[in-house]
Amino acid sequence: MRLAIRFRPLAGEVTVPIHYNHMLQALIYRHIEPELAGWLHDYGHVVEGRSFKLFVFSRLFGRFSRIGDRLVFRDPFELFVASPVEEFIHGLGQSMLRAGVVQIGGGESQVESVSPREQSVCQERLVVTAISPITAYSTLLAPNGSKKTYYYSPFENEFVQQLGRNIRKKYQALSGSPAHPDWDLRIAPLGVRSQNQVIVTFKGTVIKGWTGRYVLEGSPDLIRLALDAGLGSKNSQGFGMVRPA
């Protein structure tokens, strides 16, 4: 299920840093039920030692001006949040509406509307657009013993393989049982270019991801989960949200 939240800047404008993902994550955690927020932050849905929060959010959408390392929004703007956990989406939407006014970056915004939408999928092929960067990576051990993070591009086989393994684990985290052995999810870039690479700093950590259009093929259940929970890693930090193109 996807939530579209529309904000209107009060006092004329809202200013955020270029790397604002951590602010949006904090906004979301502030507006879900405290026990659920604490459980998600500390534990989440665990599969094979990995924790999945099972929600994802987009970049901010709307007209803005860039001034140095800040973005200034003077017109209404939108944030999209998705999760396969309906309790999460309904609770977030109701809390936003009750709040009425929220703090985002350097200014307050009026919550103008909150629109939940079911994301039904029945086909085995869907073209999607990444509305927050998709990231896939491995942590490698250098000869001197230090650790390095290698981020894959959509043109590398490991990118596709990681996303396929990741979505199956999310399915298991959500349902409590493994996905059917015959189920699969394949992803292929569609006109993705080097300009689609995005570098984001999240709480001091540099993360690389990719926007653009992609073709998803495979089980409709896994495709729907990709829309609801995100593709790849770090979804709850604002990476990997996709929507039908």
Protein backbone atom coordinates (compact mmCIF):
# COMPACT_ATOMS: atom_id res chain seq x y z
CA MET A 1 0.00 0.00 0.00
CA ARG A 2 1.27 3.47 -0.88
CA LEU A 3 0.61 6.77 0.86
CA ALA A 4 0.86 10.12 -0.93
CA ILE A 5 1.31 13.00 1.56
CA ARG A 6 1.00 16.56 0.29
CA PHE A 7 2.53 19.43 2.26
CA ARG A 8 2.20 23.19 1.93
CA PRO A 9 5.00 25.36 3.36
CA LEU A 10 3.91 27.77 6.06
CA ALA A 11 5.60 31.15 6.41
CA GLY A 12 6.36 31.06 2.69
CA GLU A 13 9.01 28.36 2.41
CA VAL A 14 10.64 25.23 3.76
CA THR A 15 14.40 24.71 3.53
CA VAL A 16 16.11 21.32 3.68
CA PRO A 17 19.72 20.22 3.12
CA ILE A 18 20.54 18.45 -0.15
CA HIS A 19 21.01 15.22 1.78
CA TYR A 20 17.71 15.16 3.67
CA ASN A 21 16.86 11.44 3.89
CA HIS A 22 17.51 11.30 7.63
CA MET A 23 14.98 14.11 8.19
CA LEU A 24 12.25 12.24 6.30
CA GLN A 25 13.02 9.01 8.17
CA ALA A 26 12.74 10.88 11.50
CA LEU A 27 9.46 12.46 10.36
CA ILE A 28 8.02 9.02 9.61
CA TYR A 29 9.15 7.53 12.92
CA ARG A 30 7.65 10.49 14.82
CA HIS A 31 4.27 9.83 13.26
CA ILE A 32 3.77 6.13 13.78
CA GLU A 33 2.62 4.49 17.00
CA PRO A 34 5.49 4.70 19.56
CA GLU A 35 5.64 0.97 20.29
CA LEU A 36 5.72 0.14 16.57
CA ALA A 37 8.36 2.82 15.96
CA GLY A 38 10.55 1.45 18.74
CA TRP A 39 10.16 -2.14 17.56
CA LEU A 40 10.94 -1.25 13.95
CA HIS A 41 13.95 0.85 14.93
CA ASP A 42 15.43 -1.74 17.32
CA TYR A 43 14.33 -5.06 15.79
CA GLY A 44 12.18 -5.16 12.66
CA HIS A 45 11.27 -8.36 10.79
CA VAL A 46 14.27 -10.67 11.07
CA VAL A 47 15.22 -13.35 8.51
CA GLU A 48 18.55 -15.19 8.62
CA GLY A 49 19.98 -12.61 10.98
CA ARG A 50 18.94 -9.65 8.85
CA SER A 51 16.38 -7.09 9.93
CA PHE A 52 13.82 -5.73 7.47
CA LYS A 53 11.75 -2.66 8.39
CA LEU A 54 9.38 -3.28 5.44
CA PHE A 55 8.71 0.32 4.54
CA VAL A 56 10.21 2.65 1.98
CA PHE A 57 9.91 6.31 1.08
CA SER A 58 10.61 8.55 -1.88
CA ARG A 59 12.48 11.74 -2.51
CA LEU A 60 10.51 14.98 -2.10
CA PHE A 61 8.54 15.93 -5.21
CA GLY A 62 7.80 19.55 -6.05
CA ARG A 63 9.32 22.74 -7.38
CA PHE A 64 12.34 23.99 -5.46
CA SER A 65 15.28 26.36 -5.73
CA ARG A 66 18.81 25.30 -4.89
CA ILE A 67 20.80 27.78 -2.84
CA GLY A 68 24.25 26.43 -2.04
CA ASP A 69 23.81 23.13 -0.23
CA ARG A 70 20.14 23.77 0.57
CA LEU A 71 16.86 23.19 -1.26
CA VAL A 72 14.06 25.71 -0.82
CA PHE A 73 10.43 24.67 -1.37
CA ARG A 74 7.93 27.54 -1.72
CA ASP A 75 5.09 25.62 -3.39
CA PRO A 76 3.29 22.47 -2.20
CA PHE A 77 5.38 19.31 -2.35
CA GLU A 78 4.78 15.58 -1.90
CA LEU A 79 6.29 12.60 -0.14
CA PHE A 80 5.40 8.99 -0.96
CA VAL A 81 5.64 6.20 1.62
CA ALA A 82 4.87 2.52 1.01
CA SER A 83 4.67 -0.63 3.11
CA PRO A 84 3.03 -4.05 2.83
CA VAL A 85 2.02 -3.65 6.50
CA GLU A 86 -1.38 -1.95 6.44
CA GLU A 87 -1.21 -1.08 10.16
CA PHE A 88 1.91 0.97 9.43
CA ILE A 89 0.36 2.88 6.52
CA HIS A 90 -2.99 3.57 8.20
CA GLY A 91 -1.32 4.65 11.44
CA LEU A 92 1.08 6.99 9.64
CA GLY A 93 -1.69 8.55 7.57
CA GLN A 94 -3.99 9.13 10.55
CA SER A 95 -1.16 10.59 12.62
CA MET A 96 -0.20 13.03 9.85
CA LEU A 97 -3.79 14.23 9.52
CA ARG A 98 -4.16 14.64 13.28
CA ALA A 99 -0.91 16.59 13.48
CA GLY A 100 -2.01 19.04 10.79
CA VAL A 101 1.32 20.87 10.88
CA VAL A 102 4.71 19.12 10.83
CA GLN A 103 8.32 20.20 11.02
CA ILE A 104 10.42 19.40 7.95
CA GLY A 105 13.89 20.88 7.85
CA GLY A 106 13.95 24.62 8.47
CA GLY A 107 10.26 25.35 8.57
CA GLU A 108 6.76 24.10 9.25
CA SER A 109 4.40 22.62 6.67
CA GLN A 110 0.66 22.13 6.61
CA VAL A 111 -0.45 18.58 5.83
CA GLU A 112 -2.83 19.33 2.95
CA SER A 113 -3.84 15.77 2.07
CA VAL A 114 -3.08 12.13 2.75
CA SER A 115 -4.06 9.64 0.04
CA PRO A 116 -3.65 5.87 0.56
CA ARG A 117 -3.62 3.67 -2.54
CA GLU A 118 -3.63 -0.07 -2.98
CA GLN A 119 -0.92 -1.30 -5.34
CA SER A 120 -2.45 -4.34 -7.01
CA VAL A 121 -0.36 -6.35 -9.47
CA CYS A 122 -1.57 -9.27 -11.57
CA GLN A 123 0.94 -9.23 -14.43
CA GLU A 124 4.35 -10.89 -14.66
CA ARG A 125 5.98 -7.89 -16.33
CA LEU A 126 5.91 -4.30 -15.14
CA VAL A 127 7.90 -1.20 -16.09
CA VAL A 128 8.71 0.92 -13.04
CA THR A 129 10.42 4.20 -12.26
CA ALA A 130 12.70 4.51 -9.23
CA ILE A 131 11.52 7.52 -7.18
CA SER A 132 14.32 7.01 -4.70
CA PRO A 133 17.70 5.48 -5.64
CA ILE A 134 18.00 1.68 -5.73
CA THR A 135 21.11 0.45 -3.95
CA ALA A 136 22.86 -2.95 -3.90
CA TYR A 137 26.26 -3.47 -2.33
CA SER A 138 28.77 -5.86 -0.80
CA THR A 139 31.18 -5.29 2.06
CA LEU A 140 34.65 -6.48 1.01
CA LEU A 141 37.78 -7.12 3.04
CA ALA A 142 40.87 -5.28 1.79
CA PRO A 143 44.38 -6.86 1.98
CA ASN A 144 45.21 -4.66 4.98
CA GLY A 145 42.19 -5.98 6.87
CA SER A 146 40.02 -2.90 6.44
CA LYS A 147 36.47 -3.15 5.13
CA LYS A 148 35.31 -1.54 1.91
CA THR A 149 31.81 -1.14 0.53
CA TYR A 150 31.35 -1.85 -3.16
CA TYR A 151 28.14 -0.55 -4.74
CA TYR A 152 26.90 -2.40 -7.83
CA SER A 153 25.48 -0.76 -10.94
CA PRO A 154 22.32 -1.99 -12.71
CA PHE A 155 24.58 -3.29 -15.49
CA GLU A 156 26.29 -5.84 -13.23
CA ASN A 157 24.86 -9.33 -12.70
CA GLU A 158 25.30 -9.06 -8.94
CA PHE A 159 22.91 -6.08 -8.86
CA VAL A 160 20.15 -8.22 -10.36
CA GLN A 161 20.97 -11.24 -8.21
CA GLN A 162 21.06 -9.26 -4.99
CA LEU A 163 17.71 -7.64 -5.67
CA GLY A 164 16.18 -11.05 -6.41
CA ARG A 165 17.54 -12.60 -3.19
CA ASN A 166 16.56 -9.55 -1.19
CA ILE A 167 12.91 -9.55 -2.28
CA ARG A 168 12.56 -13.25 -1.44
CA LYS A 169 13.85 -12.57 2.07
CA LYS A 170 11.39 -9.70 2.43
CA TYR A 171 8.60 -12.06 1.43
CA GLN A 172 9.70 -14.51 4.12
CA ALA A 173 9.98 -11.71 6.69
CA LEU A 174 6.43 -10.60 5.91
CA SER A 175 4.69 -13.96 5.54
CA GLY A 176 6.73 -16.09 7.94
CA SER A 177 7.41 -18.71 5.27
CA PRO A 178 9.77 -18.87 2.26
CA ALA A 179 8.61 -17.78 -1.17
CA HIS A 180 7.61 -20.57 -3.55
CA PRO A 181 10.73 -22.16 -5.11
CA ASP A 182 9.45 -21.34 -8.61
CA TRP A 183 8.95 -17.66 -7.83
CA ASP A 184 11.54 -15.27 -9.16
CA LEU A 185 12.06 -11.57 -9.75
CA ARG A 186 14.32 -10.22 -12.47
CA ILE A 187 15.16 -6.59 -13.06
CA ALA A 188 16.62 -4.98 -16.16
CA PRO A 189 17.53 -1.30 -16.70
CA LEU A 190 15.50 0.47 -19.36
CA GLY A 191 17.41 3.44 -20.75
CA VAL A 192 19.37 3.90 -17.51
CA ARG A 193 22.48 6.03 -18.00
CA SER A 194 25.43 7.11 -15.88
CA GLN A 195 23.52 10.31 -15.01
CA ASN A 196 21.08 8.15 -13.05
CA GLN A 197 23.67 7.35 -10.42
CA VAL A 198 22.90 9.22 -7.20
CA ILE A 199 25.24 9.72 -4.25
CA VAL A 200 23.56 10.39 -0.91
CA THR A 201 25.07 11.05 2.50
CA PHE A 202 23.00 9.53 5.29
CA LYS A 203 24.17 10.42 8.81
CA GLY A 204 27.76 10.67 7.61
CA THR A 205 27.73 7.52 5.46
CA VAL A 206 28.04 7.83 1.68
CA ILE A 207 25.54 5.63 -0.18
CA LYS A 208 25.38 5.14 -3.94
CA GLY A 209 22.18 4.23 -5.77
CA TRP A 210 20.44 4.44 -9.12
CA THR A 211 17.25 6.07 -10.34
CA GLY A 212 15.74 5.55 -13.81
CA ARG A 213 13.31 3.10 -15.39
CA TYR A 214 13.44 -0.68 -15.03
CA VAL A 215 11.58 -3.74 -16.23
CA LEU A 216 10.48 -6.15 -13.51
CA GLU A 217 9.63 -9.70 -14.57
CA GLY A 218 8.59 -12.64 -12.46
CA SER A 219 6.03 -13.53 -9.82
CA PRO A 220 3.23 -10.94 -9.43
CA ASP A 221 3.47 -11.44 -5.65
CA LEU A 222 7.13 -10.44 -5.63
CA ILE A 223 6.53 -7.54 -8.02
CA ARG A 224 3.77 -6.24 -5.72
CA LEU A 225 6.09 -6.60 -2.72
CA ALA A 226 8.76 -4.62 -4.60
CA LEU A 227 6.24 -1.77 -4.95
CA ASP A 228 5.22 -1.96 -1.29
CA ALA A 229 8.54 -2.64 0.45
CA GLY A 230 11.11 -1.32 -2.03
CA LEU A 231 13.88 -2.85 -4.10
CA GLY A 232 17.38 -3.49 -2.83
CA SER A 233 18.83 -2.37 0.50
CA LYS A 234 18.36 0.54 2.92
CA ASN A 235 14.68 1.03 2.07
CA SER A 236 13.83 2.55 5.46
CA GLN A 237 16.57 5.13 4.84
CA GLY A 238 14.84 6.30 1.66
CA PHE A 239 16.25 3.98 -1.01
CA GLY A 240 14.62 1.70 -3.56
CA MET A 241 11.08 3.03 -3.88
CA VAL A 242 9.57 2.33 -7.29
CA ARG A 243 6.20 2.98 -8.90
CA PRO A 244 4.64 1.89 -12.20
CA ALA A 245 6.06 4.01 -15.02
